[in-house]
Amino acid sequence: MLAVHAEDDDTVMYSYKKLQHEGQIGIEYMHHPHNNLSENLSFQMAITLAPM
């Protein structure tokens, strides 16, 4: 069994910078950059790269 937790770093960092620009830098905003889009992009990449 393999467990994968992955996030697209470019997407997360873009979201962090956007939040900083908007002045939303508190811990209560931490979950916004770590979203489904970030996970879906990286999970699809993991599936694509996984050997068959």
Protein backbone atom coordinates (compact mmCIF):
# COMPACT_ATOMS: atom_id res chain seq x y z
CA MET A 1 0.00 0.00 0.00
CA LEU A 2 1.23 3.42 -0.90
CA ALA A 3 0.09 6.66 0.68
CA VAL A 4 0.71 9.90 -1.18
CA HIS A 5 0.26 13.38 0.20
CA ALA A 6 1.23 15.83 -2.46
CA GLU A 7 0.75 19.50 -3.21
CA ASP A 8 1.77 21.54 -6.21
CA ASP A 9 4.37 23.94 -4.82
CA ASP A 10 3.89 26.55 -7.55
CA THR A 11 0.14 26.71 -6.86
CA VAL A 12 0.65 26.94 -3.10
CA MET A 13 3.30 29.66 -3.38
CA TYR A 14 1.17 31.67 -5.82
CA SER A 15 -1.73 31.48 -3.35
CA TYR A 16 0.53 32.54 -0.44
CA LYS A 17 1.77 35.57 -2.38
CA LYS A 18 -1.80 36.51 -3.33
CA LEU A 19 -2.87 36.33 0.31
CA GLN A 20 0.12 38.43 1.38
CA HIS A 21 -0.77 41.05 -1.21
CA GLU A 22 -4.32 41.12 0.19
CA GLY A 23 -2.97 41.46 3.75
CA GLN A 24 -4.36 38.09 4.82
CA ILE A 25 -1.28 36.72 6.54
CA GLY A 26 -2.70 35.28 9.76
CA ILE A 27 -2.84 31.60 10.66
CA GLU A 28 -6.59 31.63 10.01
CA TYR A 29 -5.83 31.92 6.26
CA MET A 30 -3.33 29.03 6.18
CA HIS A 31 -5.79 26.55 4.70
CA HIS A 32 -6.51 28.65 1.61
CA PRO A 33 -3.23 27.98 -0.27
CA HIS A 34 -3.39 24.27 0.57
CA ASN A 35 -6.49 23.61 -1.49
CA ASN A 36 -8.01 20.90 -3.67
CA LEU A 37 -6.52 22.33 -6.86
CA SER A 38 -3.00 22.04 -5.45
CA GLU A 39 -3.59 18.46 -4.32
CA ASN A 40 -5.32 17.39 -7.55
CA LEU A 41 -2.56 18.75 -9.76
CA SER A 42 0.19 17.00 -7.85
CA PHE A 43 -1.76 13.77 -7.43
CA GLN A 44 -2.32 13.59 -11.19
CA MET A 45 1.41 14.12 -11.67
CA ALA A 46 2.18 11.28 -9.23
CA ILE A 47 -0.17 8.98 -11.14
CA THR A 48 1.41 9.96 -14.45
CA LEU A 49 4.93 9.34 -13.17
CA ALA A 50 4.15 6.09 -11.35
CA PRO A 51 5.41 2.97 -13.11
CA MET A 52 2.71 0.74 -14.49
